Amino acid sequence: MANDALHNSALQDFLIDAQVLLTKAEECLLHLQLIDNDPDACHCLNDTLATLVERAQALGLVEVASYSQHLQALLEPAQAQPALQGEALQALESCLTLLAWQLELIDPHTGRLSLDTEEQVQLLDTLATALSPQEALACDSCIETRHTCEHPAPSMAAPTSANATAFSSPTRGN
């Protein structure tokens, strides 16, 4: 019983902290909308997502940790090139909106998130395409079946090993 209370307290603390981190990520996005690919905003966004991933993993919140980690893995290499602008920022905004919904829908007692992954796969793929059009992450078949794509679709170029690993392995270390 005490363990459940401790977990509930830790979960409530996480949900509060996650909202603060989400707000910080949204502020980074606003900064990037004003100044494309600003290194400070990119770094802040990456660090914010890394913190969210770490905290979610520590509590076993697999869905939030995995989605945030995929998002971070896509954005990390974008810091080194002029990729965070235009369509990529719109896609990032959609990804952060979904993350906000995920945080709202986490069961405050169990920590579970009962959502299918179709929308997150589509949004991450849209972001990947906007960042690097030849490196889409999910094929139509995997989007349709709501599975994480671990292979390139015949009409797409093969993803780089970093992106393929990041999308297919939610436990990749940073």
C-alpha atoms as a PDB file:
ATOM      1  CA  MET A   1       0.000   0.000   0.000  1.00  0.00           C
ATOM      2  CA  ALA A   2       2.803   2.418   0.879  1.00  0.00           C
ATOM      3  CA  ASN A   3       4.504   1.522  -2.405  1.00  0.00           C
ATOM      4  CA  ASP A   4       1.340   2.488  -4.329  1.00  0.00           C
ATOM      5  CA  ALA A   5       1.187   5.823  -2.507  1.00  0.00           C
ATOM      6  CA  LEU A   6       4.848   6.434  -3.292  1.00  0.00           C
ATOM      7  CA  HIS A   7       4.278   5.597  -6.973  1.00  0.00           C
ATOM      8  CA  ASN A   8       1.197   7.845  -7.112  1.00  0.00           C
ATOM      9  CA  SER A   9       3.158  10.685  -5.525  1.00  0.00           C
ATOM     10  CA  ALA A  10       6.039  10.192  -7.977  1.00  0.00           C
ATOM     11  CA  LEU A  11       3.559  10.034 -10.858  1.00  0.00           C
ATOM     12  CA  GLN A  12       1.862  13.261  -9.749  1.00  0.00           C
ATOM     13  CA  ASP A  13       5.265  14.944  -9.451  1.00  0.00           C
ATOM     14  CA  PHE A  14       6.151  13.698 -12.933  1.00  0.00           C
ATOM     15  CA  LEU A  15       2.923  15.034 -14.432  1.00  0.00           C
ATOM     16  CA  ILE A  16       3.579  18.472 -12.942  1.00  0.00           C
ATOM     17  CA  ASP A  17       7.217  18.456 -14.068  1.00  0.00           C
ATOM     18  CA  ALA A  18       6.231  17.156 -17.508  1.00  0.00           C
ATOM     19  CA  GLN A  19       3.887  20.120 -17.982  1.00  0.00           C
ATOM     20  CA  VAL A  20       6.742  22.475 -17.084  1.00  0.00           C
ATOM     21  CA  LEU A  21       9.037  20.665 -19.536  1.00  0.00           C
ATOM     22  CA  LEU A  22       6.374  20.754 -22.248  1.00  0.00           C
ATOM     23  CA  THR A  23       5.956  24.503 -21.730  1.00  0.00           C
ATOM     24  CA  LYS A  24       9.719  24.914 -22.027  1.00  0.00           C
ATOM     25  CA  ALA A  25       9.737  22.859 -25.256  1.00  0.00           C
ATOM     26  CA  GLU A  26       6.913  25.008 -26.638  1.00  0.00           C
ATOM     27  CA  GLU A  27       8.895  28.154 -25.767  1.00  0.00           C
ATOM     28  CA  CYS A  28      11.858  26.710 -27.675  1.00  0.00           C
ATOM     29  CA  LEU A  29       9.542  26.111 -30.626  1.00  0.00           C
ATOM     30  CA  LEU A  30       8.324  29.722 -30.495  1.00  0.00           C
ATOM     31  CA  HIS A  31      11.937  30.876 -30.446  1.00  0.00           C
ATOM     32  CA  LEU A  32      12.690  28.678 -33.467  1.00  0.00           C
ATOM     33  CA  GLN A  33       9.689  30.130 -35.280  1.00  0.00           C
ATOM     34  CA  LEU A  34      11.272  33.560 -34.839  1.00  0.00           C
ATOM     35  CA  ILE A  35      14.869  32.503 -35.562  1.00  0.00           C
ATOM     36  CA  ASP A  36      15.231  29.400 -37.745  1.00  0.00           C
ATOM     37  CA  ASN A  37      17.658  26.822 -36.396  1.00  0.00           C
ATOM     38  CA  ASP A  38      18.817  29.005 -33.497  1.00  0.00           C
ATOM     39  CA  PRO A  39      21.504  26.888 -31.769  1.00  0.00           C
ATOM     40  CA  ASP A  40      20.447  27.883 -28.246  1.00  0.00           C
ATOM     41  CA  ALA A  41      16.796  27.011 -28.871  1.00  0.00           C
ATOM     42  CA  CYS A  42      17.775  23.722 -30.551  1.00  0.00           C
ATOM     43  CA  HIS A  43      20.006  22.795 -27.620  1.00  0.00           C
ATOM     44  CA  CYS A  44      17.335  23.767 -25.090  1.00  0.00           C
ATOM     45  CA  LEU A  45      14.706  21.714 -26.924  1.00  0.00           C
ATOM     46  CA  ASN A  46      16.984  18.678 -27.075  1.00  0.00           C
ATOM     47  CA  ASP A  47      17.878  18.953 -23.373  1.00  0.00           C
ATOM     48  CA  THR A  48      14.229  19.410 -22.421  1.00  0.00           C
ATOM     49  CA  LEU A  49      13.167  16.312 -24.342  1.00  0.00           C
ATOM     50  CA  ALA A  50      16.089  14.340 -22.869  1.00  0.00           C
ATOM     51  CA  THR A  51      14.942  15.271 -19.364  1.00  0.00           C
ATOM     52  CA  LEU A  52      11.379  14.249 -20.182  1.00  0.00           C
ATOM     53  CA  VAL A  53      12.599  10.912 -21.575  1.00  0.00           C
ATOM     54  CA  GLU A  54      14.727  10.268 -18.491  1.00  0.00           C
ATOM     55  CA  ARG A  55      11.915  11.080 -16.067  1.00  0.00           C
ATOM     56  CA  ALA A  56       9.327   9.039 -17.989  1.00  0.00           C
ATOM     57  CA  GLN A  57      11.665   6.041 -18.219  1.00  0.00           C
ATOM     58  CA  ALA A  58      12.397   6.218 -14.485  1.00  0.00           C
ATOM     59  CA  LEU A  59       8.672   5.796 -13.781  1.00  0.00           C
ATOM     60  CA  GLY A  60       8.142   3.166 -16.465  1.00  0.00           C
ATOM     61  CA  LEU A  61       5.928   5.434 -18.581  1.00  0.00           C
ATOM     62  CA  VAL A  62       6.867   3.578 -21.746  1.00  0.00           C
ATOM     63  CA  GLU A  63       4.543   5.355 -24.160  1.00  0.00           C
ATOM     64  CA  VAL A  64       5.613   8.886 -23.246  1.00  0.00           C
ATOM     65  CA  ALA A  65       9.286   7.927 -22.959  1.00  0.00           C
ATOM     66  CA  SER A  66       9.305   6.182 -26.332  1.00  0.00           C
ATOM     67  CA  TYR A  67       7.521   8.968 -28.200  1.00  0.00           C
ATOM     68  CA  SER A  68       9.686  11.657 -26.612  1.00  0.00           C
ATOM     69  CA  GLN A  69      12.832   9.673 -27.347  1.00  0.00           C
ATOM     70  CA  HIS A  70      11.863   9.230 -31.009  1.00  0.00           C
ATOM     71  CA  LEU A  71      11.184  12.956 -31.222  1.00  0.00           C
ATOM     72  CA  GLN A  72      14.518  13.784 -29.608  1.00  0.00           C
ATOM     73  CA  ALA A  73      16.363  11.360 -31.911  1.00  0.00           C
ATOM     74  CA  LEU A  74      14.902  13.131 -34.948  1.00  0.00           C
ATOM     75  CA  LEU A  75      15.722  16.601 -33.673  1.00  0.00           C
ATOM     76  CA  GLU A  76      19.232  15.967 -32.376  1.00  0.00           C
ATOM     77  CA  PRO A  77      20.925  15.720 -35.809  1.00  0.00           C
ATOM     78  CA  ALA A  78      18.838  18.643 -37.097  1.00  0.00           C
ATOM     79  CA  GLN A  79      20.800  20.972 -34.807  1.00  0.00           C
ATOM     80  CA  ALA A  80      23.860  20.651 -37.031  1.00  0.00           C
ATOM     81  CA  GLN A  81      22.098  21.618 -40.250  1.00  0.00           C
ATOM     82  CA  PRO A  82      19.577  24.260 -41.297  1.00  0.00           C
ATOM     83  CA  ALA A  83      16.612  21.901 -40.988  1.00  0.00           C
ATOM     84  CA  LEU A  84      14.436  23.398 -38.250  1.00  0.00           C
ATOM     85  CA  GLN A  85      12.421  25.822 -40.309  1.00  0.00           C
ATOM     86  CA  GLY A  86       9.149  26.018 -42.255  1.00  0.00           C
ATOM     87  CA  GLU A  87       7.457  22.632 -42.588  1.00  0.00           C
ATOM     88  CA  ALA A  88       9.711  21.049 -39.977  1.00  0.00           C
ATOM     89  CA  LEU A  89       8.579  23.597 -37.380  1.00  0.00           C
ATOM     90  CA  GLN A  90       4.934  22.969 -38.263  1.00  0.00           C
ATOM     91  CA  ALA A  91       5.498  19.225 -37.896  1.00  0.00           C
ATOM     92  CA  LEU A  92       7.327  19.777 -34.600  1.00  0.00           C
ATOM     93  CA  GLU A  93       4.416  21.849 -33.325  1.00  0.00           C
ATOM     94  CA  SER A  94       2.040  18.979 -34.159  1.00  0.00           C
ATOM     95  CA  CYS A  95       4.348  16.524 -32.379  1.00  0.00           C
ATOM     96  CA  LEU A  96       4.423  18.696 -29.257  1.00  0.00           C
ATOM     97  CA  THR A  97       0.631  19.047 -29.376  1.00  0.00           C
ATOM     98  CA  LEU A  98       0.308  15.256 -29.396  1.00  0.00           C
ATOM     99  CA  LEU A  99       2.767  15.047 -26.504  1.00  0.00           C
ATOM    100  CA  ALA A 100       0.586  17.512 -24.580  1.00  0.00           C
ATOM    101  CA  TRP A 101      -2.444  15.297 -25.208  1.00  0.00           C
ATOM    102  CA  GLN A 102      -0.516  12.230 -24.104  1.00  0.00           C
ATOM    103  CA  LEU A 103       0.414  13.931 -20.844  1.00  0.00           C
ATOM    104  CA  GLU A 104      -3.216  14.942 -20.281  1.00  0.00           C
ATOM    105  CA  LEU A 105      -4.474  11.414 -20.929  1.00  0.00           C
ATOM    106  CA  ILE A 106      -2.068   9.521 -18.673  1.00  0.00           C
ATOM    107  CA  ASP A 107      -4.102   7.693 -16.057  1.00  0.00           C
ATOM    108  CA  PRO A 108      -3.106   9.488 -12.825  1.00  0.00           C
ATOM    109  CA  HIS A 109      -3.437   6.254 -10.826  1.00  0.00           C
ATOM    110  CA  THR A 110      -1.740   3.702 -13.082  1.00  0.00           C
ATOM    111  CA  GLY A 111       0.478   5.850 -15.291  1.00  0.00           C
ATOM    112  CA  ARG A 112      -0.819   4.019 -18.354  1.00  0.00           C
ATOM    113  CA  LEU A 113      -1.649   5.696 -21.628  1.00  0.00           C
ATOM    114  CA  SER A 114      -4.225   3.772 -23.621  1.00  0.00           C
ATOM    115  CA  LEU A 115      -3.782   5.196 -27.106  1.00  0.00           C
ATOM    116  CA  ASP A 116      -2.880   3.596 -30.389  1.00  0.00           C
ATOM    117  CA  THR A 117       0.356   4.709 -31.988  1.00  0.00           C
ATOM    118  CA  GLU A 118      -0.959   5.529 -35.461  1.00  0.00           C
ATOM    119  CA  GLU A 119      -1.003   9.297 -34.973  1.00  0.00           C
ATOM    120  CA  GLN A 120       2.426   9.433 -33.365  1.00  0.00           C
ATOM    121  CA  VAL A 121       3.920   7.287 -36.151  1.00  0.00           C
ATOM    122  CA  GLN A 122       2.386   9.599 -38.751  1.00  0.00           C
ATOM    123  CA  LEU A 123       3.544  12.778 -36.983  1.00  0.00           C
ATOM    124  CA  LEU A 124       7.076  11.476 -36.449  1.00  0.00           C
ATOM    125  CA  ASP A 125       7.202  10.415 -40.096  1.00  0.00           C
ATOM    126  CA  THR A 126       5.990  13.866 -41.186  1.00  0.00           C
ATOM    127  CA  LEU A 127       8.700  15.470 -39.057  1.00  0.00           C
ATOM    128  CA  ALA A 128      11.358  13.105 -40.416  1.00  0.00           C
ATOM    129  CA  THR A 129      10.289  13.898 -43.968  1.00  0.00           C
ATOM    130  CA  ALA A 130      10.327  17.652 -43.294  1.00  0.00           C
ATOM    131  CA  LEU A 131      13.789  17.439 -41.728  1.00  0.00           C
ATOM    132  CA  SER A 132      15.192  15.229 -44.474  1.00  0.00           C
ATOM    133  CA  PRO A 133      12.723  14.296 -47.242  1.00  0.00           C
ATOM    134  CA  GLN A 134      14.666  11.214 -48.328  1.00  0.00           C
ATOM    135  CA  GLU A 135      14.551   9.727 -44.817  1.00  0.00           C
ATOM    136  CA  ALA A 136      10.886   9.092 -44.026  1.00  0.00           C
ATOM    137  CA  LEU A 137      10.547   6.750 -41.068  1.00  0.00           C
ATOM    138  CA  ALA A 138       7.393   4.782 -41.716  1.00  0.00           C
ATOM    139  CA  CYS A 139       6.021   3.075 -44.760  1.00  0.00           C
ATOM    140  CA  ASP A 140       2.300   3.178 -45.584  1.00  0.00           C
ATOM    141  CA  SER A 141       1.892  -0.467 -44.592  1.00  0.00           C
ATOM    142  CA  CYS A 142       3.279   0.134 -41.096  1.00  0.00           C
ATOM    143  CA  ILE A 143       1.214   3.288 -40.640  1.00  0.00           C
ATOM    144  CA  GLU A 144      -1.886   1.353 -41.720  1.00  0.00           C
ATOM    145  CA  THR A 145      -1.203  -1.522 -39.311  1.00  0.00           C
ATOM    146  CA  ARG A 146      -0.138   0.913 -36.569  1.00  0.00           C
ATOM    147  CA  HIS A 147       3.282  -0.671 -36.148  1.00  0.00           C
ATOM    148  CA  THR A 148       6.612   1.023 -35.738  1.00  0.00           C
ATOM    149  CA  CYS A 149       8.329   0.695 -39.088  1.00  0.00           C
ATOM    150  CA  GLU A 150      11.640  -1.152 -38.944  1.00  0.00           C
ATOM    151  CA  HIS A 151      12.180  -1.385 -42.688  1.00  0.00           C
ATOM    152  CA  PRO A 152      12.170   1.072 -45.575  1.00  0.00           C
ATOM    153  CA  ALA A 153       9.214   1.065 -47.913  1.00  0.00           C
ATOM    154  CA  PRO A 154      10.186   0.114 -51.475  1.00  0.00           C
ATOM    155  CA  SER A 155       9.582   3.656 -52.721  1.00  0.00           C
ATOM    156  CA  MET A 156      11.720   5.280 -50.013  1.00  0.00           C
ATOM    157  CA  ALA A 157      15.440   5.525 -49.500  1.00  0.00           C
ATOM    158  CA  ALA A 158      16.722   3.512 -46.572  1.00  0.00           C
ATOM    159  CA  PRO A 159      16.823   5.534 -43.371  1.00  0.00           C
ATOM    160  CA  THR A 160      20.174   6.212 -41.831  1.00  0.00           C
ATOM    161  CA  SER A 161      21.101   3.718 -39.166  1.00  0.00           C
ATOM    162  CA  ALA A 162      20.728   6.390 -36.463  1.00  0.00           C
ATOM    163  CA  ASN A 163      17.146   7.164 -37.462  1.00  0.00           C
ATOM    164  CA  ALA A 164      16.202   3.529 -37.991  1.00  0.00           C
ATOM    165  CA  THR A 165      17.597   2.604 -34.600  1.00  0.00           C
ATOM    166  CA  ALA A 166      16.020   5.564 -32.871  1.00  0.00           C
ATOM    167  CA  PHE A 167      12.578   4.811 -34.241  1.00  0.00           C
ATOM    168  CA  SER A 168      12.628   1.069 -33.710  1.00  0.00           C
ATOM    169  CA  SER A 169      14.341   0.953 -30.326  1.00  0.00           C
ATOM    170  CA  PRO A 170      12.770   2.971 -27.520  1.00  0.00           C
ATOM    171  CA  THR A 171      15.516   1.920 -25.110  1.00  0.00           C
ATOM    172  CA  ARG A 172      18.420   3.419 -27.059  1.00  0.00           C
ATOM    173  CA  GLY A 173      20.751   5.198 -24.686  1.00  0.00           C
ATOM    174  CA  ASN A 174      21.925   8.783 -25.125  1.00  0.00           C
END
